[in-house]
Amino acid sequence: MSERSGIFAGDDPFALSQAWLDEAVKSEINDPNAIALSTVDADGMPNVRMVLLKDIEADAFVFYTNYGSVKAQELDAQGKASFVMHWKSLRRQIRVRGLVEREEGPQADEYYASRSLKSRLGAWASHQSQPLSSRSALMAEVAKVTATKGPNPPRPEFWGGYRIRPLEIEFWADGAFRLHDRFRWTRADCKGKWKVNRLHP
């Protein structure tokens, strides 16, 4: 623990994650909050895709999606997920593995309401991950939703958030001669005490 200093200092991995993200906001050209989210299907085959992390809470990471999507189906079935957040400009990354729960209450309503109107209408129109006959068919559905839902559409029941409560968080920073710095935080359960180990590059 005494060896952790500089960008790795601190006793709260969520505060440290937020500090790294805040720094990345100043240097990353596009989407500094983008994460590569990994799930597995019923056969154990992995899936990965980019999503936007929307909140770092005191004990969790939160993002939002369509509950009918493949990612949501796999999250609901397995209850576990991992992601990596990588910043080329900083030469750093954070890896997270943990347990998943839905966020479909007032917090999801608030975030949905903060999105642009077109994005809110798009959430209604898109049957995410399902086959689509054409782009024009999608735009026709958007037009239909726009006419029926009005200027202040409510959050769809099939759209909301997921909260990842990590059991493992790893902070990685580029080092000279490929001798990178890596610190892995682990805990036995979501309420447990963190243990921190330095890892070989």
Protein backbone atom coordinates (compact mmCIF):
# COMPACT_ATOMS: atom_id res chain seq x y z
CA MET A 1 0.00 0.00 0.00
CA SER A 2 2.84 2.40 0.84
CA GLU A 3 4.22 1.96 -2.66
CA ARG A 4 1.13 3.52 -4.27
CA SER A 5 1.75 7.19 -4.90
CA GLY A 6 1.22 9.78 -7.59
CA ILE A 7 -1.60 8.83 -9.95
CA PHE A 8 -2.23 5.60 -7.98
CA ALA A 9 -2.55 7.22 -4.54
CA GLY A 10 -5.70 6.99 -2.44
CA ASP A 11 -7.81 4.50 -0.51
CA ASP A 12 -11.00 4.72 -2.60
CA PRO A 13 -10.93 3.04 -6.03
CA PHE A 14 -14.11 4.84 -7.14
CA ALA A 15 -12.66 8.25 -6.31
CA LEU A 16 -9.49 7.22 -8.12
CA SER A 17 -11.53 6.10 -11.14
CA GLN A 18 -13.34 9.44 -11.19
CA ALA A 19 -10.06 11.33 -10.94
CA TRP A 20 -8.63 9.43 -13.91
CA LEU A 21 -11.81 10.02 -15.93
CA ASP A 22 -11.80 13.72 -15.07
CA GLU A 23 -8.23 13.96 -16.30
CA ALA A 24 -9.10 12.07 -19.49
CA VAL A 25 -11.93 14.51 -20.24
CA LYS A 26 -9.27 17.17 -20.78
CA SER A 27 -7.24 15.17 -23.29
CA GLU A 28 -9.37 12.55 -25.07
CA ILE A 29 -10.81 13.81 -28.35
CA ASN A 30 -13.99 11.70 -28.31
CA ASP A 31 -16.01 9.95 -25.60
CA PRO A 32 -13.55 9.74 -22.69
CA ASN A 33 -16.28 7.82 -20.81
CA ALA A 34 -16.44 5.03 -23.41
CA ILE A 35 -16.04 1.51 -22.02
CA ALA A 36 -15.69 -1.86 -23.74
CA LEU A 37 -18.37 -3.87 -21.95
CA SER A 38 -18.04 -7.66 -21.91
CA THR A 39 -20.82 -10.19 -21.27
CA VAL A 40 -21.26 -13.92 -21.93
CA ASP A 41 -24.17 -15.84 -23.41
CA ALA A 42 -25.76 -19.06 -22.14
CA ASP A 43 -23.03 -21.12 -23.84
CA GLY A 44 -20.24 -19.07 -22.31
CA MET A 45 -19.42 -17.34 -25.60
CA PRO A 46 -18.22 -13.80 -24.85
CA ASN A 47 -19.60 -10.60 -26.36
CA VAL A 48 -18.01 -7.17 -26.20
CA ARG A 49 -19.19 -3.73 -27.35
CA MET A 50 -18.58 -0.06 -26.63
CA VAL A 51 -21.04 1.77 -24.38
CA LEU A 52 -20.86 5.06 -22.51
CA LEU A 53 -20.34 5.05 -18.76
CA LYS A 54 -22.72 7.61 -17.29
CA ASP A 55 -21.94 7.63 -13.59
CA ILE A 56 -19.29 6.59 -11.10
CA GLU A 57 -21.08 6.22 -7.78
CA ALA A 58 -19.64 5.71 -4.32
CA ASP A 59 -19.61 1.94 -4.86
CA ALA A 60 -20.59 1.22 -8.48
CA PHE A 61 -20.41 2.11 -12.17
CA VAL A 62 -23.61 2.89 -14.12
CA PHE A 63 -24.56 2.83 -17.80
CA TYR A 64 -27.86 2.74 -19.72
CA THR A 65 -29.29 0.62 -22.54
CA ASN A 66 -32.33 -1.07 -24.07
CA TYR A 67 -33.43 -4.00 -21.90
CA GLY A 68 -34.32 -5.95 -25.05
CA SER A 69 -30.76 -5.80 -26.36
CA VAL A 70 -28.43 -8.78 -26.44
CA LYS A 71 -26.21 -7.18 -23.81
CA ALA A 72 -29.16 -6.71 -21.45
CA GLN A 73 -30.38 -10.26 -21.93
CA GLU A 74 -26.93 -11.59 -21.11
CA LEU A 75 -26.53 -9.26 -18.13
CA ASP A 76 -29.90 -10.34 -16.72
CA ALA A 77 -29.17 -14.03 -17.25
CA GLN A 78 -25.64 -14.12 -15.88
CA GLY A 79 -25.66 -11.22 -13.40
CA LYS A 80 -22.00 -10.51 -14.11
CA ALA A 81 -20.01 -8.24 -16.41
CA SER A 82 -16.60 -6.74 -17.01
CA PHE A 83 -15.34 -3.68 -18.81
CA VAL A 84 -12.19 -1.82 -19.70
CA MET A 85 -11.88 1.95 -20.02
CA HIS A 86 -8.79 2.90 -22.04
CA TRP A 87 -7.35 6.33 -22.70
CA LYS A 88 -4.71 6.59 -25.44
CA SER A 89 -3.90 10.19 -24.56
CA LEU A 90 -3.04 9.27 -20.96
CA ARG A 91 -1.71 5.79 -21.70
CA ARG A 92 -3.85 4.42 -18.91
CA GLN A 93 -6.70 1.98 -18.48
CA ILE A 94 -9.07 0.70 -15.80
CA ARG A 95 -10.39 -2.86 -15.83
CA VAL A 96 -13.49 -3.80 -13.82
CA ARG A 97 -15.16 -7.15 -13.07
CA GLY A 98 -18.28 -7.46 -10.95
CA LEU A 99 -21.92 -8.17 -10.28
CA VAL A 100 -24.77 -6.45 -12.09
CA GLU A 101 -28.16 -5.10 -11.10
CA ARG A 102 -30.74 -3.01 -12.95
CA GLU A 103 -31.27 0.70 -12.32
CA GLU A 104 -34.86 1.33 -13.41
CA GLY A 105 -36.10 3.82 -10.84
CA PRO A 106 -36.00 7.61 -10.44
CA GLN A 107 -32.31 7.75 -11.32
CA ALA A 108 -33.00 6.16 -14.70
CA ASP A 109 -35.93 8.54 -15.24
CA GLU A 110 -33.69 11.52 -14.46
CA TYR A 111 -30.96 10.43 -16.83
CA TYR A 112 -33.45 9.67 -19.62
CA ALA A 113 -35.00 13.12 -19.22
CA SER A 114 -31.55 14.73 -19.52
CA ARG A 115 -30.99 13.30 -23.00
CA SER A 116 -31.80 15.21 -26.16
CA LEU A 117 -35.36 14.84 -27.46
CA LYS A 118 -34.15 13.00 -30.56
CA SER A 119 -32.25 10.52 -28.39
CA ARG A 120 -35.31 9.96 -26.19
CA LEU A 121 -37.49 9.35 -29.24
CA GLY A 122 -34.83 7.10 -30.71
CA ALA A 123 -34.93 4.94 -27.59
CA TRP A 124 -38.65 4.39 -28.22
CA ALA A 125 -38.16 3.65 -31.91
CA SER A 126 -35.24 1.22 -31.77
CA HIS A 127 -35.72 -2.49 -31.10
CA GLN A 128 -32.06 -2.80 -30.22
CA SER A 129 -30.17 -5.84 -31.54
CA GLN A 130 -33.20 -7.04 -33.54
CA PRO A 131 -33.09 -7.43 -37.36
CA LEU A 132 -33.92 -4.24 -39.29
CA SER A 133 -35.17 -4.28 -42.88
CA SER A 134 -33.78 -0.85 -43.81
CA ARG A 135 -32.65 2.53 -42.50
CA SER A 136 -35.82 4.07 -43.94
CA ALA A 137 -37.94 1.68 -41.88
CA LEU A 138 -36.17 2.89 -38.74
CA MET A 139 -36.69 6.53 -39.65
CA ALA A 140 -40.36 5.84 -40.32
CA GLU A 141 -40.65 4.40 -36.83
CA VAL A 142 -38.94 7.48 -35.40
CA ALA A 143 -41.48 9.68 -37.21
CA LYS A 144 -44.34 7.59 -35.85
CA VAL A 145 -43.01 7.79 -32.31
CA THR A 146 -42.48 11.54 -32.66
CA ALA A 147 -46.13 11.98 -33.61
CA THR A 148 -47.49 9.78 -30.83
CA LYS A 149 -45.15 10.50 -27.89
CA GLY A 150 -44.95 14.27 -28.21
CA PRO A 151 -42.21 16.65 -27.02
CA ASN A 152 -41.74 15.09 -23.58
CA PRO A 153 -41.82 11.29 -23.94
CA PRO A 154 -41.62 9.24 -20.74
CA ARG A 155 -38.83 6.71 -20.26
CA PRO A 156 -39.78 3.43 -21.96
CA GLU A 157 -40.20 0.50 -19.60
CA PHE A 158 -37.80 -1.42 -21.83
CA TRP A 159 -35.00 1.13 -21.41
CA GLY A 160 -32.95 1.83 -18.30
CA GLY A 161 -29.69 1.40 -16.49
CA TYR A 162 -27.34 -1.20 -15.12
CA ARG A 163 -25.14 -0.83 -12.10
CA ILE A 164 -21.91 -2.82 -11.91
CA ARG A 165 -20.71 -3.43 -8.37
CA PRO A 166 -17.10 -4.50 -8.79
CA LEU A 167 -15.29 -7.31 -7.05
CA GLU A 168 -12.11 -6.41 -8.89
CA ILE A 169 -10.69 -3.15 -10.25
CA GLU A 170 -7.31 -2.87 -11.90
CA PHE A 171 -5.52 0.40 -12.59
CA TRP A 172 -2.88 0.25 -15.35
CA ALA A 173 -0.45 2.91 -16.54
CA ASP A 174 2.11 2.72 -19.30
CA GLY A 175 5.72 2.30 -18.19
CA ALA A 176 9.07 2.66 -19.91
CA PHE A 177 10.36 -0.41 -21.76
CA ARG A 178 6.92 -2.07 -21.42
CA LEU A 179 7.42 -2.25 -17.64
CA HIS A 180 3.92 -1.02 -16.87
CA ASP A 181 2.51 -0.18 -13.45
CA ARG A 182 -0.50 -2.29 -12.41
CA PHE A 183 -2.44 -2.29 -9.15
CA ARG A 184 -5.34 -4.69 -8.64
CA TRP A 185 -8.00 -4.02 -6.01
CA THR A 186 -10.04 -7.09 -4.97
CA ARG A 187 -12.75 -7.88 -2.42
CA ALA A 188 -14.67 -11.04 -1.58
CA ASP A 189 -18.09 -9.44 -1.93
CA CYS A 190 -19.67 -6.07 -2.67
CA LYS A 191 -19.48 -5.00 0.98
CA GLY A 192 -16.03 -6.39 1.68
CA LYS A 193 -12.79 -4.62 2.41
CA TRP A 194 -10.48 -3.95 -0.51
CA LYS A 195 -7.12 -5.67 -0.82
CA VAL A 196 -4.57 -4.07 -3.15
CA ASN A 197 -1.69 -5.85 -4.89
CA ARG A 198 0.91 -4.60 -7.33
CA LEU A 199 1.08 -6.89 -10.37
CA HIS A 200 3.89 -7.70 -12.75
CA PRO A 201 3.54 -5.88 -16.10
